[in-house]
Amino acid sequence: SLSVSSEGYSAARTTYARDSAPEHFAAGIPSALAWKYLKPLLGNT
């Protein structure tokens, strides 16, 4: 749902990049706060 490429209504338009999403989603972690706790423990990324 965050990777909508383009959406518009009248003069308003929303565009999202299809290949990018928050890195916690990409890692399978559904909480940004949890990701904040875990990220310092990860190997060199």
All heavy atoms as atom14 arrays in JSON, in Angstrom:
{
  "sequence": "SLSVSSEGYSAARTTYARDSAPEHFAAGIPSALAWKYLKPLLGNT",
  "atom14_mask": [
    [1, 1, 1, 1, 1, 1, 0, 0, 0, 0, 0, 0, 0, 0],
    [1, 1, 1, 1, 1, 1, 1, 1, 0, 0, 0, 0, 0, 0],
    [1, 1, 1, 1, 1, 1, 0, 0, 0, 0, 0, 0, 0, 0],
    [1, 1, 1, 1, 1, 1, 1, 0, 0, 0, 0, 0, 0, 0],
    [1, 1, 1, 1, 1, 1, 0, 0, 0, 0, 0, 0, 0, 0],
    [1, 1, 1, 1, 1, 1, 0, 0, 0, 0, 0, 0, 0, 0],
    [1, 1, 1, 1, 1, 1, 1, 1, 1, 0, 0, 0, 0, 0],
    [1, 1, 1, 1, 0, 0, 0, 0, 0, 0, 0, 0, 0, 0],
    [1, 1, 1, 1, 1, 1, 1, 1, 1, 1, 1, 1, 0, 0],
    [1, 1, 1, 1, 1, 1, 0, 0, 0, 0, 0, 0, 0, 0],
    [1, 1, 1, 1, 1, 0, 0, 0, 0, 0, 0, 0, 0, 0],
    [1, 1, 1, 1, 1, 0, 0, 0, 0, 0, 0, 0, 0, 0],
    [1, 1, 1, 1, 1, 1, 1, 1, 1, 1, 1, 0, 0, 0],
    [1, 1, 1, 1, 1, 1, 1, 0, 0, 0, 0, 0, 0, 0],
    [1, 1, 1, 1, 1, 1, 1, 0, 0, 0, 0, 0, 0, 0],
    [1, 1, 1, 1, 1, 1, 1, 1, 1, 1, 1, 1, 0, 0],
    [1, 1, 1, 1, 1, 0, 0, 0, 0, 0, 0, 0, 0, 0],
    [1, 1, 1, 1, 1, 1, 1, 1, 1, 1, 1, 0, 0, 0],
    [1, 1, 1, 1, 1, 1, 1, 1, 0, 0, 0, 0, 0, 0],
    [1, 1, 1, 1, 1, 1, 0, 0, 0, 0, 0, 0, 0, 0],
    [1, 1, 1, 1, 1, 0, 0, 0, 0, 0, 0, 0, 0, 0],
    [1, 1, 1, 1, 1, 1, 1, 0, 0, 0, 0, 0, 0, 0],
    [1, 1, 1, 1, 1, 1, 1, 1, 1, 0, 0, 0, 0, 0],
    [1, 1, 1, 1, 1, 1, 1, 1, 1, 1, 0, 0, 0, 0],
    [1, 1, 1, 1, 1, 1, 1, 1, 1, 1, 1, 0, 0, 0],
    [1, 1, 1, 1, 1, 0, 0, 0, 0, 0, 0, 0, 0, 0],
    [1, 1, 1, 1, 1, 0, 0, 0, 0, 0, 0, 0, 0, 0],
    [1, 1, 1, 1, 0, 0, 0, 0, 0, 0, 0, 0, 0, 0],
    [1, 1, 1, 1, 1, 1, 1, 1, 0, 0, 0, 0, 0, 0],
    [1, 1, 1, 1, 1, 1, 1, 0, 0, 0, 0, 0, 0, 0],
    [1, 1, 1, 1, 1, 1, 0, 0, 0, 0, 0, 0, 0, 0],
    [1, 1, 1, 1, 1, 0, 0, 0, 0, 0, 0, 0, 0, 0],
    [1, 1, 1, 1, 1, 1, 1, 1, 0, 0, 0, 0, 0, 0],
    [1, 1, 1, 1, 1, 0, 0, 0, 0, 0, 0, 0, 0, 0],
    [1, 1, 1, 1, 1, 1, 1, 1, 1, 1, 1, 1, 1, 1],
    [1, 1, 1, 1, 1, 1, 1, 1, 1, 0, 0, 0, 0, 0],
    [1, 1, 1, 1, 1, 1, 1, 1, 1, 1, 1, 1, 0, 0],
    [1, 1, 1, 1, 1, 1, 1, 1, 0, 0, 0, 0, 0, 0],
    [1, 1, 1, 1, 1, 1, 1, 1, 1, 0, 0, 0, 0, 0],
    [1, 1, 1, 1, 1, 1, 1, 0, 0, 0, 0, 0, 0, 0],
    [1, 1, 1, 1, 1, 1, 1, 1, 0, 0, 0, 0, 0, 0],
    [1, 1, 1, 1, 1, 1, 1, 1, 0, 0, 0, 0, 0, 0],
    [1, 1, 1, 1, 0, 0, 0, 0, 0, 0, 0, 0, 0, 0],
    [1, 1, 1, 1, 1, 1, 1, 1, 0, 0, 0, 0, 0, 0],
    [1, 1, 1, 1, 1, 1, 1, 0, 0, 0, 0, 0, 0, 0]
  ],
  "atom14_positions": [
    [[0.82, -1.21, 0.0], [0.0, 0.0, 0.0], [0.85, 1.26, 0.0], [0.41, 2.31, -0.47], [-0.96, 0.0, 1.19], [-0.26, 0.17, 2.4], [0.0, 0.0, 0.0], [0.0, 0.0, 0.0], [0.0, 0.0, 0.0], [0.0, 0.0, 0.0], [0.0, 0.0, 0.0], [0.0, 0.0, 0.0], [0.0, 0.0, 0.0], [0.0, 0.0, 0.0]],
    [[2.08, 1.18, 0.5], [2.97, 2.34, 0.5], [3.66, 2.54, -0.84], [4.27, 3.58, -1.07], [4.04, 2.2, 1.59], [3.55, 2.38, 3.01], [4.68, 2.07, 3.98], [3.04, 3.78, 3.22], [0.0, 0.0, 0.0], [0.0, 0.0, 0.0], [0.0, 0.0, 0.0], [0.0, 0.0, 0.0], [0.0, 0.0, 0.0], [0.0, 0.0, 0.0]],
    [[3.58, 1.56, -1.71], [4.31, 1.66, -2.97], [3.42, 2.03, -4.15], [3.69, 1.66, -5.28], [5.04, 0.35, -3.24], [4.12, -0.7, -3.39], [0.0, 0.0, 0.0], [0.0, 0.0, 0.0], [0.0, 0.0, 0.0], [0.0, 0.0, 0.0], [0.0, 0.0, 0.0], [0.0, 0.0, 0.0], [0.0, 0.0, 0.0], [0.0, 0.0, 0.0]],
    [[2.36, 2.77, -3.9], [1.51, 3.25, -4.97], [2.36, 4.09, -5.9], [3.1, 4.97, -5.47], [0.35, 4.11, -4.39], [-0.45, 4.75, -5.5], [-0.52, 3.27, -3.49], [0.0, 0.0, 0.0], [0.0, 0.0, 0.0], [0.0, 0.0, 0.0], [0.0, 0.0, 0.0], [0.0, 0.0, 0.0], [0.0, 0.0, 0.0], [0.0, 0.0, 0.0]],
    [[2.29, 3.84, -7.21], [3.15, 4.58, -8.14], [2.57, 5.94, -8.48], [3.3, 6.9, -8.65], [3.4, 3.76, -9.39], [2.19, 3.53, -10.06], [0.0, 0.0, 0.0], [0.0, 0.0, 0.0], [0.0, 0.0, 0.0], [0.0, 0.0, 0.0], [0.0, 0.0, 0.0], [0.0, 0.0, 0.0], [0.0, 0.0, 0.0], [0.0, 0.0, 0.0]],
    [[1.27, 6.05, -8.57], [0.68, 7.34, -8.87], [-0.81, 7.28, -8.59], [-1.47, 6.29, -8.89], [0.93, 7.71, -10.33], [0.44, 9.0, -10.59], [0.0, 0.0, 0.0], [0.0, 0.0, 0.0], [0.0, 0.0, 0.0], [0.0, 0.0, 0.0], [0.0, 0.0, 0.0], [0.0, 0.0, 0.0], [0.0, 0.0, 0.0], [0.0, 0.0, 0.0]],
    [[-1.3, 8.36, -8.01], [-2.71, 8.41, -7.67], [-3.12, 9.88, -7.7], [-2.38, 10.74, -7.23], [-2.88, 7.82, -6.27], [-4.28, 7.62, -5.8], [-4.29, 6.89, -4.48], [-3.85, 7.47, -3.47], [-4.71, 5.73, -4.46], [0.0, 0.0, 0.0], [0.0, 0.0, 0.0], [0.0, 0.0, 0.0], [0.0, 0.0, 0.0], [0.0, 0.0, 0.0]],
    [[-4.26, 10.19, -8.27], [-4.63, 11.59, -8.34], [-6.13, 11.8, -8.32], [-6.91, 10.93, -8.67], [0.0, 0.0, 0.0], [0.0, 0.0, 0.0], [0.0, 0.0, 0.0], [0.0, 0.0, 0.0], [0.0, 0.0, 0.0], [0.0, 0.0, 0.0], [0.0, 0.0, 0.0], [0.0, 0.0, 0.0], [0.0, 0.0, 0.0], [0.0, 0.0, 0.0]],
    [[-6.48, 12.97, -7.89], [-7.87, 13.41, -7.89], [-7.86, 14.89, -8.18], [-7.26, 15.67, -7.43], [-8.54, 13.11, -6.55], [-9.97, 13.57, -6.48], [-10.97, 12.86, -7.11], [-10.31, 14.74, -5.81], [-12.29, 13.28, -7.07], [-11.62, 15.18, -5.76], [-12.61, 14.45, -6.39], [-13.9, 14.87, -6.37], [0.0, 0.0, 0.0], [0.0, 0.0, 0.0]],
    [[-8.45, 15.28, -9.26], [-8.46, 16.67, -9.69], [-7.01, 17.17, -9.81], [-6.21, 16.56, -10.49], [-9.29, 17.52, -8.73], [-9.45, 18.83, -9.25], [0.0, 0.0, 0.0], [0.0, 0.0, 0.0], [0.0, 0.0, 0.0], [0.0, 0.0, 0.0], [0.0, 0.0, 0.0], [0.0, 0.0, 0.0], [0.0, 0.0, 0.0], [0.0, 0.0, 0.0]],
    [[-6.65, 18.23, -9.11], [-5.29, 18.77, -9.21], [-4.33, 18.13, -8.21], [-3.13, 18.34, -8.26], [-5.32, 20.28, -8.99], [0.0, 0.0, 0.0], [0.0, 0.0, 0.0], [0.0, 0.0, 0.0], [0.0, 0.0, 0.0], [0.0, 0.0, 0.0], [0.0, 0.0, 0.0], [0.0, 0.0, 0.0], [0.0, 0.0, 0.0], [0.0, 0.0, 0.0]],
    [[-4.84, 17.35, -7.28], [-3.98, 16.71, -6.27], [-3.44, 15.39, -6.8], [-4.16, 14.62, -7.43], [-4.77, 16.48, -4.99], [0.0, 0.0, 0.0], [0.0, 0.0, 0.0], [0.0, 0.0, 0.0], [0.0, 0.0, 0.0], [0.0, 0.0, 0.0], [0.0, 0.0, 0.0], [0.0, 0.0, 0.0], [0.0, 0.0, 0.0], [0.0, 0.0, 0.0]],
    [[-2.18, 15.12, -6.56], [-1.56, 13.89, -7.04], [-0.6, 13.36, -5.99], [0.12, 14.12, -5.36], [-0.8, 14.16, -8.34], [-0.22, 12.89, -8.92], [0.19, 13.02, -10.34], [-0.59, 12.58, -11.46], [-1.69, 11.87, -11.53], [-2.29, 11.49, -10.48], [-2.23, 11.52, -12.66], [0.0, 0.0, 0.0], [0.0, 0.0, 0.0], [0.0, 0.0, 0.0]],
    [[-0.59, 12.04, -5.83], [0.32, 11.37, -4.92], [1.1, 10.34, -5.71], [0.53, 9.56, -6.47], [-0.44, 10.64, -3.79], [-1.27, 11.6, -3.13], [0.49, 10.01, -2.81], [0.0, 0.0, 0.0], [0.0, 0.0, 0.0], [0.0, 0.0, 0.0], [0.0, 0.0, 0.0], [0.0, 0.0, 0.0], [0.0, 0.0, 0.0], [0.0, 0.0, 0.0]],
    [[2.42, 10.31, -5.52], [3.27, 9.34, -6.21], [4.24, 8.75, -5.2], [4.83, 9.46, -4.4], [4.07, 10.02, -7.34], [3.15, 10.63, -8.24], [4.92, 9.01, -8.08], [0.0, 0.0, 0.0], [0.0, 0.0, 0.0], [0.0, 0.0, 0.0], [0.0, 0.0, 0.0], [0.0, 0.0, 0.0], [0.0, 0.0, 0.0], [0.0, 0.0, 0.0]],
    [[4.38, 7.44, -5.21], [5.33, 6.75, -4.35], [6.25, 5.9, -5.21], [5.84, 5.4, -6.25], [4.61, 5.83, -3.35], [3.67, 6.54, -2.43], [2.31, 6.58, -2.69], [4.14, 7.2, -1.31], [1.43, 7.24, -1.86], [3.26, 7.86, -0.46], [1.92, 7.88, -0.74], [1.07, 8.53, 0.09], [0.0, 0.0, 0.0], [0.0, 0.0, 0.0]],
    [[7.45, 5.71, -4.78], [8.39, 4.85, -5.51], [8.05, 3.4, -5.25], [7.9, 2.99, -4.1], [9.82, 5.14, -5.06], [0.0, 0.0, 0.0], [0.0, 0.0, 0.0], [0.0, 0.0, 0.0], [0.0, 0.0, 0.0], [0.0, 0.0, 0.0], [0.0, 0.0, 0.0], [0.0, 0.0, 0.0], [0.0, 0.0, 0.0], [0.0, 0.0, 0.0]],
    [[7.93, 2.62, -6.3], [7.58, 1.2, -6.15], [8.69, 0.38, -5.51], [8.44, -0.64, -4.9], [7.23, 0.6, -7.5], [5.88, 1.01, -7.98], [5.21, -0.18, -8.66], [3.85, 0.14, -8.96], [2.83, -0.15, -8.15], [3.04, -0.73, -7.01], [1.6, 0.15, -8.49], [0.0, 0.0, 0.0], [0.0, 0.0, 0.0], [0.0, 0.0, 0.0]],
    [[9.93, 0.8, -5.64], [11.04, -0.01, -5.13], [11.52, 0.41, -3.75], [12.52, -0.09, -3.28], [12.2, 0.0, -6.12], [12.77, 1.4, -6.31], [12.11, 2.38, -5.91], [13.87, 1.5, -6.87], [0.0, 0.0, 0.0], [0.0, 0.0, 0.0], [0.0, 0.0, 0.0], [0.0, 0.0, 0.0], [0.0, 0.0, 0.0], [0.0, 0.0, 0.0]],
    [[10.82, 1.33, -3.12], [11.27, 1.72, -1.79], [10.12, 1.66, -0.81], [8.98, 1.95, -1.13], [11.87, 3.13, -1.81], [10.87, 4.08, -2.07], [0.0, 0.0, 0.0], [0.0, 0.0, 0.0], [0.0, 0.0, 0.0], [0.0, 0.0, 0.0], [0.0, 0.0, 0.0], [0.0, 0.0, 0.0], [0.0, 0.0, 0.0], [0.0, 0.0, 0.0]],
    [[10.43, 1.26, 0.38], [9.49, 1.19, 1.49], [10.33, 1.3, 2.75], [11.55, 1.12, 2.69], [8.72, -0.13, 1.46], [0.0, 0.0, 0.0], [0.0, 0.0, 0.0], [0.0, 0.0, 0.0], [0.0, 0.0, 0.0], [0.0, 0.0, 0.0], [0.0, 0.0, 0.0], [0.0, 0.0, 0.0], [0.0, 0.0, 0.0], [0.0, 0.0, 0.0]],
    [[9.73, 1.61, 3.86], [10.51, 1.67, 5.09], [11.29, 0.37, 5.3], [10.77, -0.72, 5.05], [9.45, 1.86, 6.18], [8.29, 2.48, 5.47], [8.32, 1.91, 4.08], [0.0, 0.0, 0.0], [0.0, 0.0, 0.0], [0.0, 0.0, 0.0], [0.0, 0.0, 0.0], [0.0, 0.0, 0.0], [0.0, 0.0, 0.0], [0.0, 0.0, 0.0]],
    [[12.55, 0.52, 5.72], [13.4, -0.68, 5.81], [12.89, -1.69, 6.83], [13.13, -2.88, 6.68], [14.87, -0.32, 6.05], [15.21, 0.3, 7.35], [16.69, 0.65, 7.45], [17.54, 0.09, 6.75], [16.99, 1.52, 8.28], [0.0, 0.0, 0.0], [0.0, 0.0, 0.0], [0.0, 0.0, 0.0], [0.0, 0.0, 0.0], [0.0, 0.0, 0.0]],
    [[12.14, -1.25, 7.85], [11.62, -2.24, 8.79], [10.57, -3.13, 8.14], [10.48, -4.31, 8.45], [11.1, -1.58, 10.08], [9.93, -0.68, 9.92], [10.03, 0.6, 9.44], [8.62, -0.87, 10.2], [8.84, 1.17, 9.43], [7.96, 0.29, 9.89], [0.0, 0.0, 0.0], [0.0, 0.0, 0.0], [0.0, 0.0, 0.0], [0.0, 0.0, 0.0]],
    [[9.77, -2.59, 7.21], [8.83, -3.43, 6.47], [9.58, -4.44, 5.61], [9.23, -5.61, 5.55], [7.92, -2.6, 5.57], [6.82, -1.87, 6.29], [6.19, -0.8, 5.68], [6.4, -2.23, 7.55], [5.16, -0.12, 6.31], [5.38, -1.56, 8.2], [4.76, -0.5, 7.58], [0.0, 0.0, 0.0], [0.0, 0.0, 0.0], [0.0, 0.0, 0.0]],
    [[10.61, -3.95, 4.92], [11.39, -4.83, 4.05], [12.03, -5.95, 4.84], [12.23, -7.06, 4.34], [12.46, -4.03, 3.3], [0.0, 0.0, 0.0], [0.0, 0.0, 0.0], [0.0, 0.0, 0.0], [0.0, 0.0, 0.0], [0.0, 0.0, 0.0], [0.0, 0.0, 0.0], [0.0, 0.0, 0.0], [0.0, 0.0, 0.0], [0.0, 0.0, 0.0]],
    [[12.36, -5.69, 6.11], [12.96, -6.71, 6.97], [11.92, -7.59, 7.66], [12.27, -8.52, 8.39], [13.85, -6.04, 8.02], [0.0, 0.0, 0.0], [0.0, 0.0, 0.0], [0.0, 0.0, 0.0], [0.0, 0.0, 0.0], [0.0, 0.0, 0.0], [0.0, 0.0, 0.0], [0.0, 0.0, 0.0], [0.0, 0.0, 0.0], [0.0, 0.0, 0.0]],
    [[10.64, -7.32, 7.43], [9.58, -8.13, 8.04], [9.2, -7.72, 9.45], [8.51, -8.45, 10.15], [0.0, 0.0, 0.0], [0.0, 0.0, 0.0], [0.0, 0.0, 0.0], [0.0, 0.0, 0.0], [0.0, 0.0, 0.0], [0.0, 0.0, 0.0], [0.0, 0.0, 0.0], [0.0, 0.0, 0.0], [0.0, 0.0, 0.0], [0.0, 0.0, 0.0]],
    [[9.64, -6.55, 9.87], [9.34, -6.05, 11.22], [8.23, -5.01, 11.11], [8.44, -3.94, 10.52], [10.6, -5.44, 11.89], [11.73, -6.45, 11.95], [10.27, -4.88, 13.27], [11.46, -7.69, 12.8], [0.0, 0.0, 0.0], [0.0, 0.0, 0.0], [0.0, 0.0, 0.0], [0.0, 0.0, 0.0], [0.0, 0.0, 0.0], [0.0, 0.0, 0.0]],
    [[7.04, -5.28, 11.68], [5.9, -4.39, 11.48], [5.85, -3.16, 12.38], [4.87, -2.45, 12.38], [4.71, -5.31, 11.76], [5.23, -6.28, 12.74], [6.67, -6.51, 12.36], [0.0, 0.0, 0.0], [0.0, 0.0, 0.0], [0.0, 0.0, 0.0], [0.0, 0.0, 0.0], [0.0, 0.0, 0.0], [0.0, 0.0, 0.0], [0.0, 0.0, 0.0]],
    [[6.89, -2.92, 13.14], [6.9, -1.79, 14.07], [8.16, -0.96, 13.89], [9.28, -1.47, 14.02], [6.82, -2.32, 15.51], [7.2, -1.33, 16.43], [0.0, 0.0, 0.0], [0.0, 0.0, 0.0], [0.0, 0.0, 0.0], [0.0, 0.0, 0.0], [0.0, 0.0, 0.0], [0.0, 0.0, 0.0], [0.0, 0.0, 0.0], [0.0, 0.0, 0.0]],
    [[7.98, 0.34, 13.63], [9.13, 1.24, 13.5], [9.88, 1.36, 14.82], [11.11, 1.44, 14.84], [8.67, 2.61, 13.02], [0.0, 0.0, 0.0], [0.0, 0.0, 0.0], [0.0, 0.0, 0.0], [0.0, 0.0, 0.0], [0.0, 0.0, 0.0], [0.0, 0.0, 0.0], [0.0, 0.0, 0.0], [0.0, 0.0, 0.0], [0.0, 0.0, 0.0]],
    [[9.17, 1.35, 15.94], [9.83, 1.44, 17.24], [10.66, 0.18, 17.51], [11.8, 0.28, 17.98], [8.79, 1.64, 18.36], [9.33, 1.76, 19.78], [10.36, 2.89, 19.88], [8.18, 1.98, 20.76], [0.0, 0.0, 0.0], [0.0, 0.0, 0.0], [0.0, 0.0, 0.0], [0.0, 0.0, 0.0], [0.0, 0.0, 0.0], [0.0, 0.0, 0.0]],
    [[10.14, -0.98, 17.19], [10.91, -2.22, 17.35], [12.17, -2.16, 16.5], [13.25, -2.56, 16.93], [10.06, -3.43, 16.98], [0.0, 0.0, 0.0], [0.0, 0.0, 0.0], [0.0, 0.0, 0.0], [0.0, 0.0, 0.0], [0.0, 0.0, 0.0], [0.0, 0.0, 0.0], [0.0, 0.0, 0.0], [0.0, 0.0, 0.0], [0.0, 0.0, 0.0]],
    [[12.04, -1.65, 15.28], [13.19, -1.54, 14.39], [14.25, -0.62, 15.0], [15.44, -0.89, 14.92], [12.75, -1.03, 13.02], [13.84, -1.01, 12.01], [14.43, 0.09, 11.47], [14.49, -2.14, 11.42], [15.4, -0.29, 10.58], [15.47, -1.66, 10.53], [14.34, -3.52, 11.56], [16.28, -2.49, 9.78], [15.16, -4.35, 10.81], [16.12, -3.83, 9.94]],
    [[13.79, 0.45, 15.62], [14.71, 1.39, 16.28], [15.49, 0.67, 17.39], [16.68, 0.92, 17.58], [13.92, 2.56, 16.86], [14.75, 3.62, 17.5], [13.87, 4.74, 18.02], [14.68, 5.75, 18.8], [13.84, 6.81, 19.37], [0.0, 0.0, 0.0], [0.0, 0.0, 0.0], [0.0, 0.0, 0.0], [0.0, 0.0, 0.0], [0.0, 0.0, 0.0]],
    [[14.84, -0.22, 18.11], [15.51, -1.0, 19.16], [16.51, -2.0, 18.57], [17.58, -2.24, 19.12], [14.51, -1.78, 20.01], [13.59, -0.94, 20.87], [12.28, -1.35, 21.09], [14.02, 0.23, 21.47], [11.43, -0.61, 21.89], [13.17, 0.98, 22.27], [11.87, 0.55, 22.48], [11.04, 1.29, 23.28], [0.0, 0.0, 0.0], [0.0, 0.0, 0.0]],
    [[16.15, -2.63, 17.45], [16.93, -3.73, 16.89], [18.08, -3.29, 15.99], [19.12, -3.95, 15.95], [16.01, -4.66, 16.09], [14.96, -5.4, 16.9], [13.95, -6.06, 15.97], [15.6, -6.42, 17.82], [0.0, 0.0, 0.0], [0.0, 0.0, 0.0], [0.0, 0.0, 0.0], [0.0, 0.0, 0.0], [0.0, 0.0, 0.0], [0.0, 0.0, 0.0]],
    [[17.91, -2.21, 15.28], [18.89, -1.83, 14.26], [20.32, -1.71, 14.8], [21.26, -2.16, 14.14], [18.45, -0.54, 13.57], [19.27, -0.27, 12.33], [18.68, 0.82, 11.49], [19.58, 1.03, 10.28], [19.09, 2.03, 9.39], [0.0, 0.0, 0.0], [0.0, 0.0, 0.0], [0.0, 0.0, 0.0], [0.0, 0.0, 0.0], [0.0, 0.0, 0.0]],
    [[20.56, -1.14, 16.0], [21.94, -1.06, 16.5], [22.59, -2.43, 16.75], [23.8, -2.52, 16.87], [21.81, -0.28, 17.8], [20.53, 0.45, 17.7], [19.63, -0.41, 16.87], [0.0, 0.0, 0.0], [0.0, 0.0, 0.0], [0.0, 0.0, 0.0], [0.0, 0.0, 0.0], [0.0, 0.0, 0.0], [0.0, 0.0, 0.0], [0.0, 0.0, 0.0]],
    [[21.79, -3.48, 16.84], [22.31, -4.82, 17.11], [22.66, -5.58, 15.83], [23.27, -6.66, 15.9], [21.29, -5.63, 17.9], [20.85, -5.04, 19.23], [19.72, -5.86, 19.83], [22.01, -4.93, 20.19], [0.0, 0.0, 0.0], [0.0, 0.0, 0.0], [0.0, 0.0, 0.0], [0.0, 0.0, 0.0], [0.0, 0.0, 0.0], [0.0, 0.0, 0.0]],
    [[22.27, -5.04, 14.69], [22.48, -5.74, 13.43], [23.93, -5.65, 12.99], [24.64, -4.72, 13.35], [21.56, -5.18, 12.35], [20.07, -5.32, 12.62], [19.27, -4.66, 11.51], [19.67, -6.77, 12.8], [0.0, 0.0, 0.0], [0.0, 0.0, 0.0], [0.0, 0.0, 0.0], [0.0, 0.0, 0.0], [0.0, 0.0, 0.0], [0.0, 0.0, 0.0]],
    [[24.33, -6.61, 12.17], [25.66, -6.58, 11.58], [25.8, -5.37, 10.68], [24.83, -4.65, 10.42], [0.0, 0.0, 0.0], [0.0, 0.0, 0.0], [0.0, 0.0, 0.0], [0.0, 0.0, 0.0], [0.0, 0.0, 0.0], [0.0, 0.0, 0.0], [0.0, 0.0, 0.0], [0.0, 0.0, 0.0], [0.0, 0.0, 0.0], [0.0, 0.0, 0.0]],
    [[26.96, -5.15, 10.18], [27.22, -3.99, 9.33], [26.39, -4.09, 8.06], [26.59, -4.97, 7.24], [28.71, -3.92, 8.98], [29.04, -2.68, 8.21], [28.2, -1.87, 7.89], [30.32, -2.5, 7.93], [0.0, 0.0, 0.0], [0.0, 0.0, 0.0], [0.0, 0.0, 0.0], [0.0, 0.0, 0.0], [0.0, 0.0, 0.0], [0.0, 0.0, 0.0]],
    [[25.43, -3.16, 7.92], [24.57, -3.16, 6.74], [24.87, -1.97, 5.84], [24.11, -1.66, 4.94], [23.08, -3.11, 7.14], [22.86, -1.94, 7.95], [22.68, -4.35, 7.89], [0.0, 0.0, 0.0], [0.0, 0.0, 0.0], [0.0, 0.0, 0.0], [0.0, 0.0, 0.0], [0.0, 0.0, 0.0], [0.0, 0.0, 0.0], [0.0, 0.0, 0.0]]
  ]
}
